[in-house]
């Protein structure tokens, strides 16, 4: 059973662009959420500080969320000094947050409860 502790916000985080796109498409199709009602937050390692606009543009293209709807990037501190081979293709984790989620929060909780209580996987 899923319990609602707060209806202050609803967000979803992932580093996989396909999962983020699926989540946004799901919000639009089943809850009539418009892109203008989304905000995007990015978390990435501090070693990517000089790539801020590249990272924001990447996630803006993936999500279709305007750059003006992005918040300041949250940089994670790391003791690791190694620069990885995928440095230029790493874009951190995007968090998609919906404005005024109370208008559909109950429906989402109902869907989650339905999935959690399902005896078999849907076909």
PDB file of N, CA and C in Angstrom:
ATOM      1  N   UNK A   1       0.840  -1.185   0.000  1.00  0.00           N
ATOM      2  CA  UNK A   1       0.000   0.000   0.000  1.00  0.00           C
ATOM      3  C   UNK A   1       0.880   1.242   0.000  1.00  0.00           C
ATOM      4  N   UNK A   2       0.519   2.196  -0.791  1.00  0.00           N
ATOM      5  CA  UNK A   2       1.239   3.458  -0.854  1.00  0.00           C
ATOM      6  C   UNK A   2       0.504   4.477   0.009  1.00  0.00           C
ATOM      7  N   UNK A   3       1.242   5.155   0.835  1.00  0.00           N
ATOM      8  CA  UNK A   3       0.630   6.181   1.680  1.00  0.00           C
ATOM      9  C   UNK A   3       1.084   7.557   1.222  1.00  0.00           C
ATOM     10  N   UNK A   4       0.149   8.468   1.209  1.00  0.00           N
ATOM     11  CA  UNK A   4       0.461   9.837   0.821  1.00  0.00           C
ATOM     12  C   UNK A   4       0.898  10.589   2.065  1.00  0.00           C
ATOM     13  N   UNK A   5       2.131  11.043   2.067  1.00  0.00           N
ATOM     14  CA  UNK A   5       2.620  11.807   3.201  1.00  0.00           C
ATOM     15  C   UNK A   5       2.489  13.305   2.959  1.00  0.00           C
ATOM     16  N   UNK A   6       2.544  13.694   1.703  1.00  0.00           N
ATOM     17  CA  UNK A   6       2.469  15.110   1.369  1.00  0.00           C
ATOM     18  C   UNK A   6       2.052  15.264  -0.084  1.00  0.00           C
ATOM     19  N   UNK A   7       1.304  16.298  -0.361  1.00  0.00           N
ATOM     20  CA  UNK A   7       0.951  16.588  -1.744  1.00  0.00           C
ATOM     21  C   UNK A   7       1.669  17.853  -2.220  1.00  0.00           C
ATOM     22  N   UNK A   8       2.774  18.174  -1.550  1.00  0.00           N
ATOM     23  CA  UNK A   8       3.523  19.376  -1.875  1.00  0.00           C
ATOM     24  C   UNK A   8       4.166  19.267  -3.257  1.00  0.00           C
ATOM     25  N   UNK A   9       4.680  18.100  -3.603  1.00  0.00           N
ATOM     26  CA  UNK A   9       5.353  17.980  -4.883  1.00  0.00           C
ATOM     27  C   UNK A   9       5.340  16.576  -5.417  1.00  0.00           C
ATOM     28  N   UNK A  10       5.548  16.484  -6.703  1.00  0.00           N
ATOM     29  CA  UNK A  10       5.652  15.193  -7.357  1.00  0.00           C
ATOM     30  C   UNK A  10       6.796  15.295  -8.339  1.00  0.00           C
ATOM     31  N   UNK A  11       7.789  14.418  -8.193  1.00  0.00           N
ATOM     32  CA  UNK A  11       8.936  14.484  -9.083  1.00  0.00           C
ATOM     33  C   UNK A  11       9.436  13.086  -9.397  1.00  0.00           C
ATOM     34  N   UNK A  12      10.248  13.012 -10.457  1.00  0.00           N
ATOM     35  CA  UNK A  12      10.806  11.759 -10.917  1.00  0.00           C
ATOM     36  C   UNK A  12      12.228  12.031 -11.379  1.00  0.00           C
ATOM     37  N   UNK A  13      13.169  11.198 -10.945  1.00  0.00           N
ATOM     38  CA  UNK A  13      14.580  11.383 -11.300  1.00  0.00           C
ATOM     39  C   UNK A  13      15.129  10.151 -11.999  1.00  0.00           C
ATOM     40  N   UNK A  14      15.972  10.397 -13.007  1.00  0.00           N
ATOM     41  CA  UNK A  14      16.656   9.304 -13.678  1.00  0.00           C
ATOM     42  C   UNK A  14      17.742   9.898 -14.559  1.00  0.00           C
ATOM     43  N   UNK A  15      18.748   9.098 -14.861  1.00  0.00           N
ATOM     44  CA  UNK A  15      19.812   9.552 -15.757  1.00  0.00           C
ATOM     45  C   UNK A  15      19.619   9.009 -17.172  1.00  0.00           C
ATOM     46  N   UNK A  16      18.659   8.121 -17.357  1.00  0.00           N
ATOM     47  CA  UNK A  16      18.392   7.529 -18.666  1.00  0.00           C
ATOM     48  C   UNK A  16      17.407   8.419 -19.432  1.00  0.00           C
ATOM     49  N   UNK A  17      17.830   8.998 -20.549  1.00  0.00           N
ATOM     50  CA  UNK A  17      16.947   9.911 -21.282  1.00  0.00           C
ATOM     51  C   UNK A  17      15.655   9.256 -21.773  1.00  0.00           C
ATOM     52  N   UNK A  18      15.696   7.976 -22.110  1.00  0.00           N
ATOM     53  CA  UNK A  18      14.475   7.292 -22.571  1.00  0.00           C
ATOM     54  C   UNK A  18      13.453   7.150 -21.447  1.00  0.00           C
ATOM     55  N   UNK A  19      13.929   6.902 -20.242  1.00  0.00           N
ATOM     56  CA  UNK A  19      13.019   6.800 -19.086  1.00  0.00           C
ATOM     57  C   UNK A  19      12.409   8.169 -18.789  1.00  0.00           C
ATOM     58  N   UNK A  20      13.212   9.210 -18.859  1.00  0.00           N
ATOM     59  CA  UNK A  20      12.706  10.570 -18.639  1.00  0.00           C
ATOM     60  C   UNK A  20      11.660  10.919 -19.697  1.00  0.00           C
ATOM     61  N   UNK A  21      11.931  10.594 -20.958  1.00  0.00           N
ATOM     62  CA  UNK A  21      10.966  10.865 -22.027  1.00  0.00           C
ATOM     63  C   UNK A  21       9.680  10.071 -21.815  1.00  0.00           C
ATOM     64  N   UNK A  22       9.799   8.820 -21.386  1.00  0.00           N
ATOM     65  CA  UNK A  22       8.617   8.009 -21.102  1.00  0.00           C
ATOM     66  C   UNK A  22       7.784   8.648 -19.999  1.00  0.00           C
ATOM     67  N   UNK A  23       8.436   9.081 -18.927  1.00  0.00           N
ATOM     68  CA  UNK A  23       7.730   9.698 -17.808  1.00  0.00           C
ATOM     69  C   UNK A  23       6.961  10.943 -18.256  1.00  0.00           C
ATOM     70  N   UNK A  24       7.599  11.782 -19.049  1.00  0.00           N
ATOM     71  CA  UNK A  24       6.935  13.001 -19.525  1.00  0.00           C
ATOM     72  C   UNK A  24       5.766  12.654 -20.438  1.00  0.00           C
ATOM     73  N   UNK A  25       5.952  11.688 -21.339  1.00  0.00           N
ATOM     74  CA  UNK A  25       4.859  11.263 -22.224  1.00  0.00           C
ATOM     75  C   UNK A  25       3.701  10.703 -21.407  1.00  0.00           C
ATOM     76  N   UNK A  26       4.002   9.960 -20.348  1.00  0.00           N
ATOM     77  CA  UNK A  26       2.979   9.387 -19.456  1.00  0.00           C
ATOM     78  C   UNK A  26       2.192  10.501 -18.773  1.00  0.00           C
ATOM     79  N   UNK A  27       2.911  11.516 -18.271  1.00  0.00           N
ATOM     80  CA  UNK A  27       2.237  12.651 -17.633  1.00  0.00           C
ATOM     81  C   UNK A  27       1.311  13.368 -18.610  1.00  0.00           C
ATOM     82  N   UNK A  28       1.790  13.557 -19.830  1.00  0.00           N
ATOM     83  CA  UNK A  28       0.999  14.269 -20.831  1.00  0.00           C
ATOM     84  C   UNK A  28      -0.227  13.465 -21.255  1.00  0.00           C
ATOM     85  N   UNK A  29      -0.043  12.177 -21.503  1.00  0.00           N
ATOM     86  CA  UNK A  29      -1.141  11.352 -22.010  1.00  0.00           C
ATOM     87  C   UNK A  29      -2.212  11.077 -20.960  1.00  0.00           C
ATOM     88  N   UNK A  30      -1.801  10.704 -19.761  1.00  0.00           N
ATOM     89  CA  UNK A  30      -2.774  10.246 -18.765  1.00  0.00           C
ATOM     90  C   UNK A  30      -3.215  11.314 -17.768  1.00  0.00           C
ATOM     91  N   UNK A  31      -2.479  12.422 -17.708  1.00  0.00           N
ATOM     92  CA  UNK A  31      -2.831  13.452 -16.733  1.00  0.00           C
ATOM     93  C   UNK A  31      -2.977  14.830 -17.359  1.00  0.00           C
ATOM     94  N   UNK A  32      -2.870  14.900 -18.671  1.00  0.00           N
ATOM     95  CA  UNK A  32      -3.002  16.162 -19.414  1.00  0.00           C
ATOM     96  C   UNK A  32      -2.063  17.252 -18.894  1.00  0.00           C
ATOM     97  N   UNK A  33      -0.873  16.846 -18.480  1.00  0.00           N
ATOM     98  CA  UNK A  33       0.124  17.801 -18.014  1.00  0.00           C
ATOM     99  C   UNK A  33       0.801  18.409 -19.239  1.00  0.00           C
ATOM    100  N   UNK A  34       0.944  19.708 -19.246  1.00  0.00           N
ATOM    101  CA  UNK A  34       1.602  20.389 -20.353  1.00  0.00           C
ATOM    102  C   UNK A  34       3.063  20.653 -20.005  1.00  0.00           C
ATOM    103  N   UNK A  35       3.878  20.760 -21.031  1.00  0.00           N
ATOM    104  CA  UNK A  35       5.313  20.999 -20.820  1.00  0.00           C
ATOM    105  C   UNK A  35       5.552  22.253 -19.998  1.00  0.00           C
ATOM    106  N   UNK A  36       4.708  23.256 -20.153  1.00  0.00           N
ATOM    107  CA  UNK A  36       4.889  24.503 -19.393  1.00  0.00           C
ATOM    108  C   UNK A  36       4.712  24.288 -17.886  1.00  0.00           C
ATOM    109  N   UNK A  37       4.090  23.171 -17.495  1.00  0.00           N
ATOM    110  CA  UNK A  37       3.876  22.860 -16.078  1.00  0.00           C
ATOM    111  C   UNK A  37       4.995  22.008 -15.489  1.00  0.00           C
ATOM    112  N   UNK A  38       6.066  21.816 -16.244  1.00  0.00           N
ATOM    113  CA  UNK A  38       7.186  21.006 -15.775  1.00  0.00           C
ATOM    114  C   UNK A  38       8.380  21.887 -15.434  1.00  0.00           C
ATOM    115  N   UNK A  39       9.133  21.440 -14.462  1.00  0.00           N
ATOM    116  CA  UNK A  39      10.405  22.070 -14.122  1.00  0.00           C
ATOM    117  C   UNK A  39      11.458  20.975 -14.140  1.00  0.00           C
ATOM    118  N   UNK A  40      12.670  21.361 -14.505  1.00  0.00           N
ATOM    119  CA  UNK A  40      13.745  20.379 -14.595  1.00  0.00           C
ATOM    120  C   UNK A  40      14.900  20.781 -13.686  1.00  0.00           C
ATOM    121  N   UNK A  41      15.345  19.817 -12.904  1.00  0.00           N
ATOM    122  CA  UNK A  41      16.477  19.978 -12.003  1.00  0.00           C
ATOM    123  C   UNK A  41      17.537  18.975 -12.436  1.00  0.00           C
ATOM    124  N   UNK A  42      18.790  19.387 -12.436  1.00  0.00           N
ATOM    125  CA  UNK A  42      19.870  18.502 -12.846  1.00  0.00           C
ATOM    126  C   UNK A  42      20.875  18.385 -11.715  1.00  0.00           C
ATOM    127  N   UNK A  43      21.289  17.153 -11.467  1.00  0.00           N
ATOM    128  CA  UNK A  43      22.356  16.879 -10.516  1.00  0.00           C
ATOM    129  C   UNK A  43      23.505  16.225 -11.270  1.00  0.00           C
ATOM    130  N   UNK A  44      24.703  16.746 -11.080  1.00  0.00           N
ATOM    131  CA  UNK A  44      25.874  16.211 -11.788  1.00  0.00           C
ATOM    132  C   UNK A  44      27.112  16.483 -10.953  1.00  0.00           C
ATOM    133  N   UNK A  45      28.147  15.707 -11.191  1.00  0.00           N
ATOM    134  CA  UNK A  45      29.402  15.864 -10.482  1.00  0.00           C
ATOM    135  C   UNK A  45      30.030  17.224 -10.780  1.00  0.00           C
ATOM    136  N   UNK A  46      30.681  17.771  -9.784  1.00  0.00           N
ATOM    137  CA  UNK A  46      31.275  19.108  -9.884  1.00  0.00           C
ATOM    138  C   UNK A  46      32.326  19.212 -10.994  1.00  0.00           C
ATOM    139  N   UNK A  47      32.909  18.105 -11.413  1.00  0.00           N
ATOM    140  CA  UNK A  47      33.919  18.165 -12.472  1.00  0.00           C
ATOM    141  C   UNK A  47      33.310  18.605 -13.811  1.00  0.00           C
ATOM    142  N   UNK A  48      31.974  18.654 -13.890  1.00  0.00           N
ATOM    143  CA  UNK A  48      31.280  19.077 -15.113  1.00  0.00           C
ATOM    144  C   UNK A  48      30.844  20.543 -15.056  1.00  0.00           C
ATOM    145  N   UNK A  49      31.387  21.281 -14.116  1.00  0.00           N
ATOM    146  CA  UNK A  49      31.013  22.679 -13.912  1.00  0.00           C
ATOM    147  C   UNK A  49      31.116  23.518 -15.192  1.00  0.00           C
ATOM    148  N   UNK A  50      32.119  23.291 -15.983  1.00  0.00           N
ATOM    149  CA  UNK A  50      32.311  24.079 -17.213  1.00  0.00           C
ATOM    150  C   UNK A  50      31.384  23.655 -18.343  1.00  0.00           C
ATOM    151  N   UNK A  51      30.622  22.599 -18.156  1.00  0.00           N
ATOM    152  CA  UNK A  51      29.709  22.104 -19.194  1.00  0.00           C
ATOM    153  C   UNK A  51      28.249  22.433 -18.881  1.00  0.00           C
ATOM    154  N   UNK A  52      28.004  23.375 -18.005  1.00  0.00           N
ATOM    155  CA  UNK A  52      26.640  23.650 -17.536  1.00  0.00           C
ATOM    156  C   UNK A  52      25.646  23.864 -18.679  1.00  0.00           C
ATOM    157  N   UNK A  53      25.941  24.731 -19.613  1.00  0.00           N
ATOM    158  CA  UNK A  53      24.985  24.994 -20.705  1.00  0.00           C
ATOM    159  C   UNK A  53      24.857  23.796 -21.638  1.00  0.00           C
ATOM    160  N   UNK A  54      25.921  23.066 -21.854  1.00  0.00           N
ATOM    161  CA  UNK A  54      25.852  21.851 -22.679  1.00  0.00           C
ATOM    162  C   UNK A  54      24.900  20.853 -22.035  1.00  0.00           C
ATOM    163  N   UNK A  55      25.036  20.672 -20.722  1.00  0.00           N
ATOM    164  CA  UNK A  55      24.190  19.732 -19.984  1.00  0.00           C
ATOM    165  C   UNK A  55      22.731  20.189 -20.002  1.00  0.00           C
ATOM    166  N   UNK A  56      22.497  21.466 -19.758  1.00  0.00           N
ATOM    167  CA  UNK A  56      21.124  21.983 -19.767  1.00  0.00           C
ATOM    168  C   UNK A  56      20.484  21.852 -21.145  1.00  0.00           C
ATOM    169  N   UNK A  57      21.245  22.180 -22.184  1.00  0.00           N
ATOM    170  CA  UNK A  57      20.701  22.050 -23.550  1.00  0.00           C
ATOM    171  C   UNK A  57      20.387  20.600 -23.884  1.00  0.00           C
ATOM    172  N   UNK A  58      21.247  19.702 -23.447  1.00  0.00           N
ATOM    173  CA  UNK A  58      21.007  18.272 -23.682  1.00  0.00           C
ATOM    174  C   UNK A  58      19.653  17.862 -23.086  1.00  0.00           C
ATOM    175  N   UNK A  59      19.447  18.171 -21.800  1.00  0.00           N
ATOM    176  CA  UNK A  59      18.201  17.764 -21.145  1.00  0.00           C
ATOM    177  C   UNK A  59      17.002  18.545 -21.689  1.00  0.00           C
ATOM    178  N   UNK A  60      17.217  19.775 -22.123  1.00  0.00           N
ATOM    179  CA  UNK A  60      16.127  20.534 -22.728  1.00  0.00           C
ATOM    180  C   UNK A  60      15.681  19.873 -24.031  1.00  0.00           C
ATOM    181  N   UNK A  61      16.628  19.407 -24.836  1.00  0.00           N
ATOM    182  CA  UNK A  61      16.288  18.696 -26.074  1.00  0.00           C
ATOM    183  C   UNK A  61      15.574  17.376 -25.786  1.00  0.00           C
ATOM    184  N   UNK A  62      16.008  16.672 -24.764  1.00  0.00           N
ATOM    185  CA  UNK A  62      15.400  15.386 -24.402  1.00  0.00           C
ATOM    186  C   UNK A  62      13.974  15.598 -23.897  1.00  0.00           C
ATOM    187  N   UNK A  63      13.777  16.603 -23.062  1.00  0.00           N
ATOM    188  CA  UNK A  63      12.499  16.795 -22.364  1.00  0.00           C
ATOM    189  C   UNK A  63      11.538  17.749 -23.063  1.00  0.00           C
ATOM    190  N   UNK A  64      12.018  18.561 -23.954  1.00  0.00           N
ATOM    191  CA  UNK A  64      11.307  19.687 -24.580  1.00  0.00           C
ATOM    192  C   UNK A  64      10.927  20.767 -23.560  1.00  0.00           C
ATOM    193  N   UNK A  65      11.517  20.711 -22.385  1.00  0.00           N
ATOM    194  CA  UNK A  65      11.315  21.740 -21.366  1.00  0.00           C
ATOM    195  C   UNK A  65      12.228  22.908 -21.717  1.00  0.00           C
ATOM    196  N   UNK A  66      11.680  24.117 -21.707  1.00  0.00           N
ATOM    197  CA  UNK A  66      12.462  25.306 -22.043  1.00  0.00           C
ATOM    198  C   UNK A  66      13.567  25.542 -21.014  1.00  0.00           C
ATOM    199  N   UNK A  67      14.672  26.097 -21.461  1.00  0.00           N
ATOM    200  CA  UNK A  67      15.782  26.393 -20.553  1.00  0.00           C
ATOM    201  C   UNK A  67      15.348  27.297 -19.406  1.00  0.00           C
ATOM    202  N   UNK A  68      14.384  28.165 -19.649  1.00  0.00           N
ATOM    203  CA  UNK A  68      13.891  29.061 -18.599  1.00  0.00           C
ATOM    204  C   UNK A  68      13.160  28.295 -17.490  1.00  0.00           C
ATOM    205  N   UNK A  69      12.797  27.045 -17.737  1.00  0.00           N
ATOM    206  CA  UNK A  69      12.106  26.218 -16.746  1.00  0.00           C
ATOM    207  C   UNK A  69      13.076  25.320 -15.977  1.00  0.00           C
ATOM    208  N   UNK A  70      14.378  25.501 -16.208  1.00  0.00           N
ATOM    209  CA  UNK A  70      15.403  24.755 -15.488  1.00  0.00           C
ATOM    210  C   UNK A  70      15.845  25.560 -14.273  1.00  0.00           C
ATOM    211  N   UNK A  71      16.216  24.861 -13.235  1.00  0.00           N
ATOM    212  CA  UNK A  71      16.779  25.519 -12.062  1.00  0.00           C
ATOM    213  C   UNK A  71      18.300  25.485 -12.176  1.00  0.00           C
ATOM    214  N   UNK A  72      18.944  26.109 -11.233  1.00  0.00           N
ATOM    215  CA  UNK A  72      20.387  26.061 -11.166  1.00  0.00           C
ATOM    216  C   UNK A  72      20.813  24.610 -10.945  1.00  0.00           C
ATOM    217  N   UNK A  73      21.842  24.181 -11.637  1.00  0.00           N
ATOM    218  CA  UNK A  73      22.323  22.802 -11.513  1.00  0.00           C
ATOM    219  C   UNK A  73      22.863  22.562 -10.108  1.00  0.00           C
ATOM    220  N   UNK A  74      22.564  21.387  -9.580  1.00  0.00           N
ATOM    221  CA  UNK A  74      23.090  20.977  -8.286  1.00  0.00           C
ATOM    222  C   UNK A  74      24.370  20.172  -8.548  1.00  0.00           C
ATOM    223  N   UNK A  75      25.505  20.717  -8.133  1.00  0.00           N
ATOM    224  CA  UNK A  75      26.787  20.052  -8.347  1.00  0.00           C
ATOM    225  C   UNK A  75      27.148  19.214  -7.136  1.00  0.00           C
ATOM    226  N   UNK A  76      27.468  17.966  -7.395  1.00  0.00           N
ATOM    227  CA  UNK A  76      27.844  17.021  -6.345  1.00  0.00           C
ATOM    228  C   UNK A  76      29.356  17.048  -6.180  1.00  0.00           C
ATOM    229  N   UNK A  77      29.798  17.146  -4.953  1.00  0.00           N
ATOM    230  CA  UNK A  77      31.231  17.121  -4.675  1.00  0.00           C
ATOM    231  C   UNK A  77      31.720  15.677  -4.708  1.00  0.00           C
ATOM    232  N   UNK A  78      32.901  15.509  -5.258  1.00  0.00           N
ATOM    233  CA  UNK A  78      33.492  14.187  -5.339  1.00  0.00           C
ATOM    234  C   UNK A  78      34.983  14.287  -5.077  1.00  0.00           C
ATOM    235  N   UNK A  79      35.507  13.313  -4.357  1.00  0.00           N
ATOM    236  CA  UNK A  79      36.943  13.276  -4.098  1.00  0.00           C
ATOM    237  C   UNK A  79      37.681  12.654  -5.278  1.00  0.00           C
ATOM    238  N   UNK A  80      36.920  12.057  -6.170  1.00  0.00           N
ATOM    239  CA  UNK A  80      37.505  11.382  -7.325  1.00  0.00           C
ATOM    240  C   UNK A  80      38.070  12.418  -8.302  1.00  0.00           C
ATOM    241  N   UNK A  81      39.321  12.292  -8.639  1.00  0.00           N
ATOM    242  CA  UNK A  81      39.974  13.229  -9.564  1.00  0.00           C
ATOM    243  C   UNK A  81      40.080  12.641 -10.972  1.00  0.00           C
ATOM    244  N   UNK A  82      39.726  11.386 -11.114  1.00  0.00           N
ATOM    245  CA  UNK A  82      39.852  10.720 -12.405  1.00  0.00           C
ATOM    246  C   UNK A  82      38.845  11.294 -13.409  1.00  0.00           C
ATOM    247  N   UNK A  83      39.287  11.517 -14.628  1.00  0.00           N
ATOM    248  CA  UNK A  83      38.404  11.945 -15.708  1.00  0.00           C
ATOM    249  C   UNK A  83      38.100  10.710 -16.535  1.00  0.00           C
ATOM    250  N   UNK A  84      36.827  10.361 -16.619  1.00  0.00           N
ATOM    251  CA  UNK A  84      36.416   9.149 -17.300  1.00  0.00           C
ATOM    252  C   UNK A  84      36.331   9.340 -18.806  1.00  0.00           C
ATOM    253  N   UNK A  85      36.407   8.230 -19.538  1.00  0.00           N
ATOM    254  CA  UNK A  85      36.332   8.256 -20.996  1.00  0.00           C
ATOM    255  C   UNK A  85      35.024   8.855 -21.494  1.00  0.00           C
ATOM    256  N   UNK A  86      33.945   8.665 -20.746  1.00  0.00           N
ATOM    257  CA  UNK A  86      32.629   9.167 -21.169  1.00  0.00           C
ATOM    258  C   UNK A  86      32.341  10.576 -20.638  1.00  0.00           C
ATOM    259  N   UNK A  87      33.365  11.297 -20.250  1.00  0.00           N
ATOM    260  CA  UNK A  87      33.193  12.621 -19.653  1.00  0.00           C
ATOM    261  C   UNK A  87      32.290  13.510 -20.505  1.00  0.00           C
ATOM    262  N   UNK A  88      32.544  13.583 -21.808  1.00  0.00           N
ATOM    263  CA  UNK A  88      31.783  14.469 -22.688  1.00  0.00           C
ATOM    264  C   UNK A  88      30.387  13.962 -23.021  1.00  0.00           C
ATOM    265  N   UNK A  89      30.095  12.717 -22.691  1.00  0.00           N
ATOM    266  CA  UNK A  89      28.758  12.186 -22.981  1.00  0.00           C
ATOM    267  C   UNK A  89      27.971  11.903 -21.697  1.00  0.00           C
ATOM    268  N   UNK A  90      28.439  12.434 -20.590  1.00  0.00           N
ATOM    269  CA  UNK A  90      27.731  12.272 -19.316  1.00  0.00           C
ATOM    270  C   UNK A  90      26.944  13.552 -19.028  1.00  0.00           C
ATOM    271  N   UNK A  91      25.668  13.386 -18.687  1.00  0.00           N
ATOM    272  CA  UNK A  91      24.798  14.549 -18.497  1.00  0.00           C
ATOM    273  C   UNK A  91      24.099  14.555 -17.148  1.00  0.00           C
ATOM    274  N   UNK A  92      24.541  13.723 -16.232  1.00  0.00           N
ATOM    275  CA  UNK A  92      23.991  13.729 -14.887  1.00  0.00           C
ATOM    276  C   UNK A  92      22.600  13.124 -14.799  1.00  0.00           C
ATOM    277  N   UNK A  93      21.919  13.493 -13.741  1.00  0.00           N
ATOM    278  CA  UNK A  93      20.572  12.998 -13.467  1.00  0.00           C
ATOM    279  C   UNK A  93      19.586  14.146 -13.576  1.00  0.00           C
ATOM    280  N   UNK A  94      18.522  13.905 -14.327  1.00  0.00           N
ATOM    281  CA  UNK A  94      17.461  14.913 -14.455  1.00  0.00           C
ATOM    282  C   UNK A  94      16.319  14.554 -13.519  1.00  0.00           C
ATOM    283  N   UNK A  95      15.795  15.559 -12.871  1.00  0.00           N
ATOM    284  CA  UNK A  95      14.594  15.409 -12.053  1.00  0.00           C
ATOM    285  C   UNK A  95      13.515  16.264 -12.682  1.00  0.00           C
ATOM    286  N   UNK A  96      12.393  15.625 -13.000  1.00  0.00           N
ATOM    287  CA  UNK A  96      11.255  16.336 -13.566  1.00  0.00           C
ATOM    288  C   UNK A  96      10.249  16.553 -12.448  1.00  0.00           C
ATOM    289  N   UNK A  97       9.869  17.787 -12.247  1.00  0.00           N
ATOM    290  CA  UNK A  97       8.908  18.135 -11.203  1.00  0.00           C
ATOM    291  C   UNK A  97       7.705  18.802 -11.849  1.00  0.00           C
ATOM    292  N   UNK A  98       6.526  18.452 -11.363  1.00  0.00           N
ATOM    293  CA  UNK A  98       5.276  18.991 -11.905  1.00  0.00           C
ATOM    294  C   UNK A  98       4.765  20.088 -10.989  1.00  0.00           C
ATOM    295  N   UNK A  99       4.387  21.226 -11.583  1.00  0.00           N
ATOM    296  CA  UNK A  99       3.784  22.299 -10.804  1.00  0.00           C
ATOM    297  C   UNK A  99       2.358  21.916 -10.409  1.00  0.00           C
ATOM    298  N   UNK A 100       1.937  22.319  -9.255  1.00  0.00           N
ATOM    299  CA  UNK A 100       0.588  22.080  -8.736  1.00  0.00           C
ATOM    300  C   UNK A 100       0.165  20.616  -8.891  1.00  0.00           C
ATOM    301  N   UNK A 101       0.899  19.700  -8.277  1.00  0.00           N
ATOM    302  CA  UNK A 101       0.614  18.277  -8.461  1.00  0.00           C
ATOM    303  C   UNK A 101      -0.657  17.792  -7.768  1.00  0.00           C
ATOM    304  N   UNK A 102      -1.218  18.588  -6.880  1.00  0.00           N
ATOM    305  CA  UNK A 102      -2.405  18.136  -6.147  1.00  0.00           C
ATOM    306  C   UNK A 102      -3.584  17.849  -7.064  1.00  0.00           C
ATOM    307  N   UNK A 103      -3.596  18.421  -8.269  1.00  0.00           N
ATOM    308  CA  UNK A 103      -4.716  18.218  -9.196  1.00  0.00           C
ATOM    309  C   UNK A 103      -4.765  16.794  -9.749  1.00  0.00           C
ATOM    310  N   UNK A 104      -3.668  16.035  -9.644  1.00  0.00           N
ATOM    311  CA  UNK A 104      -3.687  14.662 -10.151  1.00  0.00           C
ATOM    312  C   UNK A 104      -3.017  13.679  -9.198  1.00  0.00           C
ATOM    313  N   UNK A 105      -2.612  14.136  -8.038  1.00  0.00           N
ATOM    314  CA  UNK A 105      -1.868  13.308  -7.096  1.00  0.00           C
ATOM    315  C   UNK A 105      -2.648  12.060  -6.683  1.00  0.00           C
ATOM    316  N   UNK A 106      -3.925  12.211  -6.380  1.00  0.00           N
ATOM    317  CA  UNK A 106      -4.744  11.065  -5.980  1.00  0.00           C
ATOM    318  C   UNK A 106      -4.825  10.010  -7.064  1.00  0.00           C
ATOM    319  N   UNK A 107      -4.910  10.441  -8.315  1.00  0.00           N
ATOM    320  CA  UNK A 107      -4.979   9.497  -9.424  1.00  0.00           C
ATOM    321  C   UNK A 107      -3.676   8.704  -9.535  1.00  0.00           C
ATOM    322  N   UNK A 108      -2.548   9.383  -9.351  1.00  0.00           N
ATOM    323  CA  UNK A 108      -1.257   8.695  -9.407  1.00  0.00           C
ATOM    324  C   UNK A 108      -1.148   7.670  -8.285  1.00  0.00           C
ATOM    325  N   UNK A 109      -1.547   8.049  -7.082  1.00  0.00           N
ATOM    326  CA  UNK A 109      -1.479   7.114  -5.959  1.00  0.00           C
ATOM    327  C   UNK A 109      -2.383   5.910  -6.230  1.00  0.00           C
ATOM    328  N   UNK A 110      -3.556   6.143  -6.811  1.00  0.00           N
ATOM    329  CA  UNK A 110      -4.448   5.044  -7.166  1.00  0.00           C
ATOM    330  C   UNK A 110      -3.812   4.100  -8.176  1.00  0.00           C
ATOM    331  N   UNK A 111      -3.144   4.653  -9.180  1.00  0.00           N
ATOM    332  CA  UNK A 111      -2.464   3.817 -10.174  1.00  0.00           C
ATOM    333  C   UNK A 111      -1.332   3.014  -9.540  1.00  0.00           C
ATOM    334  N   UNK A 112      -0.570   3.649  -8.669  1.00  0.00           N
ATOM    335  CA  UNK A 112       0.520   2.946  -7.991  1.00  0.00           C
ATOM    336  C   UNK A 112      -0.032   1.820  -7.130  1.00  0.00           C
ATOM    337  N   UNK A 113      -1.107   2.094  -6.382  1.00  0.00           N
ATOM    338  CA  UNK A 113      -1.726   1.049  -5.567  1.00  0.00           C
ATOM    339  C   UNK A 113      -2.244  -0.091  -6.435  1.00  0.00           C
ATOM    340  N   UNK A 114      -2.850   0.243  -7.572  1.00  0.00           N
ATOM    341  CA  UNK A 114      -3.349  -0.785  -8.478  1.00  0.00           C
ATOM    342  C   UNK A 114      -2.232  -1.678  -8.987  1.00  0.00           C
ATOM    343  N   UNK A 115      -1.114  -1.073  -9.363  1.00  0.00           N
ATOM    344  CA  UNK A 115       0.032  -1.860  -9.825  1.00  0.00           C
ATOM    345  C   UNK A 115       0.619  -2.700  -8.697  1.00  0.00           C
ATOM    346  N   UNK A 116       0.717  -2.119  -7.514  1.00  0.00           N
ATOM    347  CA  UNK A 116       1.291  -2.845  -6.379  1.00  0.00           C
ATOM    348  C   UNK A 116       0.427  -4.029  -5.964  1.00  0.00           C
ATOM    349  N   UNK A 117      -0.868  -3.915  -6.140  1.00  0.00           N
ATOM    350  CA  UNK A 117      -1.783  -4.975  -5.726  1.00  0.00           C
ATOM    351  C   UNK A 117      -2.141  -5.947  -6.848  1.00  0.00           C
ATOM    352  N   UNK A 118      -1.619  -5.715  -8.054  1.00  0.00           N
ATOM    353  CA  UNK A 118      -1.911  -6.601  -9.185  1.00  0.00           C
ATOM    354  C   UNK A 118      -1.312  -7.975  -8.923  1.00  0.00           C
ATOM    355  N   UNK A 119      -2.086  -9.003  -9.270  1.00  0.00           N
ATOM    356  CA  UNK A 119      -1.620 -10.375  -9.071  1.00  0.00           C
ATOM    357  C   UNK A 119      -0.710 -10.832 -10.218  1.00  0.00           C
ATOM    358  N   UNK A 120      -0.923 -10.283 -11.387  1.00  0.00           N
ATOM    359  CA  UNK A 120      -0.109 -10.644 -12.543  1.00  0.00           C
ATOM    360  C   UNK A 120       0.278  -9.389 -13.296  1.00  0.00           C
ATOM    361  N   UNK A 121       1.267  -9.514 -14.117  1.00  0.00           N
ATOM    362  CA  UNK A 121       1.685  -8.398 -14.946  1.00  0.00           C
ATOM    363  C   UNK A 121       0.698  -8.234 -16.098  1.00  0.00           C
ATOM    364  N   UNK A 122       0.395  -6.993 -16.493  1.00  0.00           N
ATOM    365  CA  UNK A 122      -0.504  -6.781 -17.628  1.00  0.00           C
ATOM    366  C   UNK A 122       0.134  -7.296 -18.912  1.00  0.00           C
ATOM    367  N   UNK A 123      -0.724  -7.715 -19.862  1.00  0.00           N
ATOM    368  CA  UNK A 123      -0.198  -8.220 -21.127  1.00  0.00           C
ATOM    369  C   UNK A 123      -0.390  -7.210 -22.221  1.00  0.00           C
TER     370      UNK A 123
END
